[in-house]
C-alpha cells in the first residue's frame, strides 16, 4: 500500500523552504552546513545540520538542488526557520548569495510492502532522502504535491513515529533538539568528515577522532505507552537517559531513547519516570565510533 506523510500535517514536523541562490550559493552553503551538498542532485536530497561554533545542533536540514542552476532549496523546521535564515544571512559577507523563503511544501511517500515507488506530476520534484525518513521526498506547490500523491493514503503522527522507530530515524523536536551533538541523537549521517571546513567543524572533528560521545540513541520496547519526553533511570544511575519517542504496538510499545553509553547494550533494563520498564533492543544507532570504524 502506498502511504504518504504530509509534513505540514504532522505535529512538530512542519517545514519551511529557504531558497539559497546566487553565483556563490554552493560554496557559501558548503561552508555553513555539516554535509557535503555536492550530493544534492536530480535523484537525491542531502541531509545536513546547521551547527553552532561549538558543534551543537541549531536545526536539521534537508537540501535539494533547485531547478535554477546553482541554487539550493533548504527544508528547515518551521519553529526555527527565522533563526536559521538569520544565521545564514549573518555569514553572507562578500558573497553573491540571496536567501529567501519559498511557498513550496514537502511530503514523504513510501510503499508499505517495500515495492518500488514511482511518483510523477507537473511542478513537483521527487528525491530519495535519508531524512525525515528513508523514503522519497516530494516537493512542490501544495496543489501539485496533493495531485502527485492522490493515489496514496495519508498517515498520522503515530504511523510516522512507528516508521521512524523501525528505521532508527531521529526526528526534529524529539531526538534532534537544539544543543545536542549529532552523534548523541543518531544524526551522524548528516555530517561529512571529508568535505572541509564548516560551522562547528572543529569540535565535531574532535568527537570523530576520539570516537565516542557519552550519550547515544537506541531503540527500546516498553510494557505500555508513556508520555514523552520521559526521564529514564537505572538501579545504578538515576540519570540513565531520556525516552524521546514512544508509539503503541500490539503488545506494549516501541520507542527511541537517548541513553548514557553504558546502557546502549542489548537487554539493558531502565525505567521511565512513571516506573514503566524500558528494555534496550539495539546498540547505538547513528553513532560515531571514530575513524576507520563502520557506524
Foldseek 3Di string as FASTA:
>chain_A
DKEKAFQCQAPQRWWWKKKKDFPCRQVLVCQFWFANCVPADLAAWAWIFGAALQQWGPWIWIWHDDPPPPMIIIITRPVCVVVVVVVSVVPPDVGGIDMDIDQKGKMFMDDPVRDDDDWDWPFWGWYQYPPPHRTIMIMGHPVGVCVRCVVHHYDYNQVVQVRCLVRVHDDEPFLRDTPHHCQQRQRLSNHDPPSDHHRNNVNVVVCQAVFFDFKFKFKKFWQAFDDPFWAKQDPVGGRFWTWRAWHQDPGHIIGMIIGGQVQQDFQRWIATPVGIIMGTHHHGHNHRRHPPDDD
